[in-house]
Amino acid sequence: MTTATEMGRRDAVDMAAATIMVGLTFSWGLNYVAAKVSYAGYDPVFVSIARSILGGLCVLGWCRLRGIKLFRPDGTLVAGVVVGVLFGVEFLCLYIGLEYTTVARNTLLVNTMPFWVLIGSHFLLGERINARKLGGLVLAFCGLAAVFSEGIVGGNNATLTGDLLSLGSGILWAMTSIVIKRSKLVDTSAEKLLLYQLAGAAVVGLLVMPFAGAPIRAVTALPTLALLFQSFYIVAFTYVLWFWLLTRYPAAGLSSFAFLSPAFGVLCGAVLLGEPPTVRIFLALGLVAAGLIIVNRPARKQILG
């Protein structure tokens, strides 16, 4: 029997999904700045725990309001635990790595995720790599390399530890997306899927917290607002939307939009943190946009068909 989710699936990323993904990637780019700002008041591990708990409470409240059943047996528990652990470790790597390296390097390395998704989807999901998709992703990556090449070559204000943690976060992000697509989680609600991951992130963070620094560094307005922004908007809203998209569109096509996050992050940093943009940023945006058009262009048979 065909499920409602299967009936709503698409073979390619359409204009509606593309528009949503641009909004999401802008939000995620802004999130890197918010995370960096929050570290002035809170330890990165504490930020990961707090955003998961606060965001999770919001999602639970939404589910109760809408009458969404979360605890009905649906065969997703094992996969849910797996993605919860992956998500928890992913964000510890991202948040701790962000403290040791720059926003530019962190976002670049985290957003190597589409390459790992493309490879994983080829072998596990049947979403075959072809020359067009590979070329589009390489073109987009060249765009980001144009922005961050100077910092990468020079190694300014960054450490190997932060870089490796950031790269690990990107790999774990890809693994999470693939597990979702390959398991029964693809048919569960976006809210339940998110709660699995937030619970995993909270548990993993609490296990690591005794080995981290003091959770609260200084309670001031700006870091606290940055933490609340991550919890209520990024976690409780944008992640639900992202996981909903994952159940209806190809993982590799959606993941290719992640290349926009670093460019948006740099632009937000220029406006909010006073980091001056360069010509390379605008060059990168053009290359990224071209790569996304190539990757998500429907095949000829889909156009004729």
Protein backbone atom coordinates (compact mmCIF):
# COMPACT_ATOMS: atom_id res chain seq x y z
CA MET A 1 0.00 0.00 0.00
CA THR A 2 1.32 3.46 -0.89
CA THR A 3 1.68 5.74 2.13
CA ALA A 4 0.80 9.41 2.21
CA THR A 5 4.51 10.22 2.45
CA GLU A 6 5.32 8.16 -0.64
CA MET A 7 2.52 9.85 -2.59
CA GLY A 8 4.02 13.24 -1.73
CA ARG A 9 7.60 12.43 -2.74
CA ARG A 10 9.35 14.19 -5.62
CA ASP A 11 12.06 12.92 -7.95
CA ALA A 12 13.81 16.30 -8.13
CA VAL A 13 14.04 19.55 -6.19
CA ASP A 14 11.33 21.89 -7.48
CA MET A 15 11.03 25.66 -7.20
CA ALA A 16 9.14 25.55 -3.89
CA ALA A 17 11.76 23.37 -2.24
CA ALA A 18 14.57 25.47 -3.69
CA THR A 19 13.04 28.65 -2.26
CA ILE A 20 12.66 27.07 1.18
CA MET A 21 16.24 25.79 1.06
CA VAL A 22 17.58 29.27 0.30
CA GLY A 23 15.75 30.57 3.38
CA LEU A 24 17.00 27.69 5.50
CA THR A 25 20.61 28.06 4.42
CA PHE A 26 20.47 31.78 5.17
CA SER A 27 19.19 30.95 8.65
CA TRP A 28 21.93 28.36 9.16
CA GLY A 29 24.56 30.81 7.98
CA LEU A 30 23.29 33.27 10.55
CA ASN A 31 23.35 30.49 13.14
CA TYR A 32 27.16 30.23 12.94
CA VAL A 33 27.40 33.88 13.91
CA ALA A 34 24.86 33.41 16.71
CA ALA A 35 26.80 30.43 18.05
CA LYS A 36 30.05 32.40 18.09
CA VAL A 37 28.35 35.27 19.90
CA SER A 38 26.83 32.93 22.51
CA TYR A 39 30.28 31.65 23.51
CA ALA A 40 30.96 34.94 25.26
CA GLY A 41 28.48 33.83 27.91
CA TYR A 42 28.28 30.04 27.69
CA ASP A 43 30.49 27.02 27.04
CA PRO A 44 29.92 25.39 23.61
CA VAL A 45 28.87 22.06 25.15
CA PHE A 46 26.37 23.84 27.38
CA VAL A 47 25.03 25.71 24.33
CA SER A 48 24.49 22.38 22.55
CA ILE A 49 22.61 20.97 25.53
CA ALA A 50 20.52 24.08 26.19
CA ARG A 51 19.44 24.57 22.57
CA SER A 52 18.43 20.91 22.36
CA ILE A 53 16.34 20.97 25.54
CA LEU A 54 14.68 24.34 24.89
CA GLY A 55 14.03 23.54 21.25
CA GLY A 56 12.73 20.09 22.17
CA LEU A 57 10.24 21.55 24.63
CA CYS A 58 8.94 23.85 21.89
CA VAL A 59 8.51 20.92 19.50
CA LEU A 60 6.74 18.89 22.20
CA GLY A 61 4.37 21.79 22.85
CA TRP A 62 3.64 22.08 19.12
CA CYS A 63 2.93 18.35 18.88
CA ARG A 64 0.55 18.50 21.83
CA LEU A 65 -1.25 21.50 20.33
CA ARG A 66 -1.63 19.76 16.95
CA GLY A 67 -2.45 16.36 18.41
CA ILE A 68 0.60 14.70 16.80
CA LYS A 69 1.18 11.23 18.24
CA LEU A 70 4.82 10.76 19.14
CA PHE A 71 4.94 7.55 21.15
CA ARG A 72 2.92 5.23 18.94
CA PRO A 73 5.10 2.21 17.96
CA ASP A 74 6.22 2.60 14.33
CA GLY A 75 9.47 0.64 14.10
CA THR A 76 11.69 3.74 14.18
CA LEU A 77 13.21 3.41 17.65
CA VAL A 78 16.54 1.82 16.67
CA ALA A 79 17.10 4.17 13.73
CA GLY A 80 15.99 7.08 15.92
CA VAL A 81 18.61 6.24 18.54
CA VAL A 82 21.28 6.01 15.84
CA VAL A 83 20.47 9.39 14.31
CA GLY A 84 20.15 10.89 17.79
CA VAL A 85 23.69 9.85 18.66
CA LEU A 86 25.02 10.98 15.27
CA PHE A 87 23.27 14.33 15.62
CA GLY A 88 24.56 14.81 19.15
CA VAL A 89 28.18 14.10 18.25
CA GLU A 90 27.83 16.17 15.07
CA PHE A 91 26.86 19.28 16.97
CA LEU A 92 29.47 18.80 19.64
CA CYS A 93 32.08 18.66 16.88
CA LEU A 94 30.60 21.72 15.20
CA TYR A 95 30.25 23.83 18.34
CA ILE A 96 33.57 22.91 19.95
CA GLY A 97 35.32 23.20 16.59
CA LEU A 98 33.82 26.66 16.05
CA GLU A 99 35.46 27.89 19.25
CA TYR A 100 38.91 26.75 18.12
CA THR A 101 38.76 27.86 14.49
CA THR A 102 37.26 30.73 12.51
CA VAL A 103 33.67 30.96 11.30
CA ALA A 104 34.90 30.86 7.70
CA ARG A 105 36.93 27.66 8.10
CA ASN A 106 34.27 26.02 10.25
CA THR A 107 31.47 26.65 7.78
CA LEU A 108 33.57 25.52 4.83
CA LEU A 109 34.55 22.22 6.44
CA VAL A 110 31.11 21.47 7.88
CA ASN A 111 29.56 22.08 4.49
CA THR A 112 31.66 19.48 2.74
CA MET A 113 28.59 17.44 3.74
CA PRO A 114 27.08 17.33 0.21
CA PHE A 115 30.13 15.46 -1.08
CA TRP A 116 29.71 12.76 1.56
CA VAL A 117 25.95 12.60 0.93
CA LEU A 118 26.52 12.29 -2.81
CA ILE A 119 28.92 9.37 -2.30
CA GLY A 120 26.72 7.69 0.31
CA SER A 121 23.55 8.17 -1.72
CA HIS A 122 25.24 6.60 -4.74
CA PHE A 123 26.00 3.38 -2.88
CA LEU A 124 23.11 3.20 -0.40
CA LEU A 125 20.11 5.10 -1.81
CA GLY A 126 20.37 4.47 -5.52
CA GLU A 127 20.71 8.20 -6.26
CA ARG A 128 23.41 7.73 -8.88
CA ILE A 129 26.30 10.10 -9.35
CA ASN A 130 26.59 11.40 -12.91
CA ALA A 131 28.97 13.85 -14.53
CA ARG A 132 26.45 16.69 -14.34
CA LYS A 133 25.85 16.41 -10.58
CA LEU A 134 29.52 15.93 -9.81
CA GLY A 135 30.44 18.90 -11.97
CA GLY A 136 27.86 21.10 -10.26
CA LEU A 137 29.10 20.22 -6.80
CA VAL A 138 32.73 20.75 -7.79
CA LEU A 139 31.83 24.14 -9.27
CA ALA A 140 30.06 25.16 -6.06
CA PHE A 141 32.98 23.98 -3.94
CA CYS A 142 35.35 26.05 -6.09
CA GLY A 143 33.18 29.05 -5.26
CA LEU A 144 33.65 28.53 -1.53
CA ALA A 145 37.34 27.82 -2.02
CA ALA A 146 37.61 31.23 -3.71
CA VAL A 147 36.30 32.87 -0.52
CA PHE A 148 38.30 30.94 2.02
CA SER A 149 41.50 30.11 0.10
CA GLU A 150 43.60 32.79 1.78
CA GLY A 151 42.64 31.68 5.28
CA ILE A 152 43.06 28.01 4.44
CA VAL A 153 46.53 28.45 2.95
CA GLY A 154 47.70 30.81 5.66
CA GLY A 155 46.06 29.04 8.57
CA ASN A 156 45.23 32.35 10.22
CA ASN A 157 43.48 32.25 13.62
CA ALA A 158 42.70 28.55 13.39
CA THR A 159 43.91 25.26 14.82
CA LEU A 160 44.12 21.78 13.40
CA THR A 161 41.87 20.54 16.21
CA GLY A 162 39.08 22.94 15.26
CA ASP A 163 39.43 22.13 11.58
CA LEU A 164 39.28 18.36 12.15
CA LEU A 165 36.25 18.70 14.42
CA SER A 166 34.49 20.85 11.82
CA LEU A 167 35.21 18.33 9.06
CA GLY A 168 33.97 15.52 11.31
CA SER A 169 30.73 17.44 11.84
CA GLY A 170 30.17 17.59 8.09
CA ILE A 171 30.70 13.84 7.74
CA LEU A 172 28.34 13.09 10.63
CA TRP A 173 25.71 15.41 9.13
CA ALA A 174 25.85 13.43 5.90
CA MET A 175 25.61 10.12 7.77
CA THR A 176 22.52 11.37 9.61
CA SER A 177 20.80 12.33 6.34
CA ILE A 178 21.58 8.94 4.78
CA VAL A 179 20.34 6.95 7.78
CA ILE A 180 17.08 8.90 7.69
CA LYS A 181 16.55 8.19 4.00
CA ARG A 182 17.45 4.49 4.34
CA SER A 183 15.29 3.74 7.41
CA LYS A 184 11.65 3.91 8.43
CA LEU A 185 12.35 7.40 9.72
CA VAL A 186 11.64 8.61 6.20
CA ASP A 187 7.94 7.87 6.84
CA THR A 188 7.69 9.36 10.33
CA SER A 189 6.68 12.91 11.12
CA ALA A 190 9.28 15.68 10.96
CA GLU A 191 8.53 16.50 14.60
CA LYS A 192 9.24 12.98 15.83
CA LEU A 193 12.38 12.80 13.71
CA LEU A 194 13.66 16.04 15.18
CA LEU A 195 12.88 14.98 18.75
CA TYR A 196 14.93 11.80 18.31
CA GLN A 197 17.89 13.96 17.39
CA LEU A 198 17.39 16.60 20.04
CA ALA A 199 17.12 13.92 22.72
CA GLY A 200 20.33 12.36 21.42
CA ALA A 201 22.10 15.71 21.40
CA ALA A 202 21.01 16.46 24.98
CA VAL A 203 22.14 13.05 26.25
CA VAL A 204 25.48 13.14 24.42
CA GLY A 205 26.08 16.69 25.63
CA LEU A 206 25.28 15.80 29.25
CA LEU A 207 27.71 12.90 29.09
CA VAL A 208 30.47 15.20 27.82
CA MET A 209 29.67 18.21 30.05
CA PRO A 210 31.71 17.00 33.09
CA PHE A 211 34.81 17.05 30.89
CA ALA A 212 34.14 20.52 29.46
CA GLY A 213 34.74 23.92 31.00
CA ALA A 214 32.44 25.93 33.25
CA PRO A 215 29.00 25.90 31.59
CA ILE A 216 28.25 29.57 32.28
CA ARG A 217 30.93 32.15 31.60
CA ALA A 218 28.98 35.41 31.94
CA VAL A 219 25.23 35.93 31.80
CA THR A 220 24.75 38.97 29.59
CA ALA A 221 22.02 40.00 27.16
CA LEU A 222 23.63 39.41 23.76
CA PRO A 223 24.97 35.87 24.33
CA THR A 224 21.68 34.90 25.95
CA LEU A 225 19.65 36.24 23.02
CA ALA A 226 21.96 34.37 20.63
CA LEU A 227 21.34 31.15 22.57
CA LEU A 228 17.56 31.67 22.51
CA PHE A 229 17.66 32.38 18.77
CA GLN A 230 19.40 29.05 18.19
CA SER A 231 16.95 27.21 20.44
CA PHE A 232 13.60 28.58 19.33
CA TYR A 233 14.09 29.54 15.71
CA ILE A 234 16.91 27.37 14.39
CA VAL A 235 16.06 24.18 16.29
CA ALA A 236 12.29 24.35 16.76
CA PHE A 237 11.44 25.76 13.33
CA THR A 238 14.14 25.37 10.66
CA TYR A 239 15.11 21.80 11.57
CA VAL A 240 11.52 20.59 11.44
CA LEU A 241 11.25 22.11 7.99
CA TRP A 242 14.56 20.53 6.88
CA PHE A 243 13.59 17.04 7.98
CA TRP A 244 10.17 17.41 6.36
CA LEU A 245 11.93 18.24 3.08
CA LEU A 246 14.19 15.19 3.48
CA THR A 247 11.16 12.88 3.50
CA ARG A 248 9.92 14.29 0.18
CA TYR A 249 12.94 15.21 -1.98
CA PRO A 250 16.26 13.55 -2.99
CA ALA A 251 18.86 13.88 -0.22
CA ALA A 252 21.73 14.77 -2.58
CA GLY A 253 19.73 17.51 -4.31
CA LEU A 254 18.70 19.13 -1.04
CA SER A 255 22.17 18.79 0.48
CA SER A 256 23.75 20.65 -2.42
CA PHE A 257 22.08 23.83 -1.10
CA ALA A 258 24.26 23.60 2.00
CA PHE A 259 26.96 25.34 -0.02
CA LEU A 260 24.99 28.57 0.42
CA SER A 261 25.33 28.50 4.22
CA PRO A 262 29.00 29.58 4.40
CA ALA A 263 28.45 32.43 1.94
CA PHE A 264 25.43 33.61 3.92
CA GLY A 265 27.42 33.18 7.14
CA VAL A 266 30.18 35.44 5.85
CA LEU A 267 27.65 38.05 4.72
CA CYS A 268 25.92 37.95 8.13
CA GLY A 269 29.30 38.24 9.80
CA ALA A 270 30.06 41.33 7.72
CA VAL A 271 26.80 43.00 8.79
CA LEU A 272 26.65 41.87 12.41
CA LEU A 273 30.29 41.35 13.40
CA GLY A 274 31.97 43.96 11.22
CA GLU A 275 33.89 41.42 9.12
CA PRO A 276 34.39 43.19 5.74
CA PRO A 277 33.26 41.21 2.67
CA THR A 278 35.55 40.88 -0.34
CA VAL A 279 35.15 40.48 -4.08
CA ARG A 280 35.78 36.77 -3.56
CA ILE A 281 32.47 36.44 -1.71
CA PHE A 282 30.50 37.73 -4.68
CA LEU A 283 32.50 35.53 -7.05
CA ALA A 284 31.71 32.54 -4.83
CA LEU A 285 28.01 33.29 -4.79
CA GLY A 286 27.95 33.27 -8.60
CA LEU A 287 29.83 29.95 -8.76
CA VAL A 288 27.64 28.40 -6.07
CA ALA A 289 24.44 29.50 -7.81
CA ALA A 290 25.69 28.05 -11.11
CA GLY A 291 26.57 24.78 -9.41
CA LEU A 292 23.14 24.51 -7.81
CA ILE A 293 21.40 25.11 -11.13
CA ILE A 294 23.46 22.35 -12.75
CA VAL A 295 22.90 19.87 -9.91
CA ASN A 296 19.16 20.40 -9.66
CA ARG A 297 18.30 20.78 -13.35
CA PRO A 298 15.77 18.07 -14.25
CA ALA A 299 16.93 15.36 -16.62
CA ARG A 300 15.65 15.58 -20.20
CA LYS A 301 13.27 12.67 -19.76
CA GLN A 302 11.69 14.44 -16.78
CA ILE A 303 11.15 17.57 -18.85
CA LEU A 304 9.57 15.65 -21.73
CA GLY A 305 7.67 13.40 -19.61
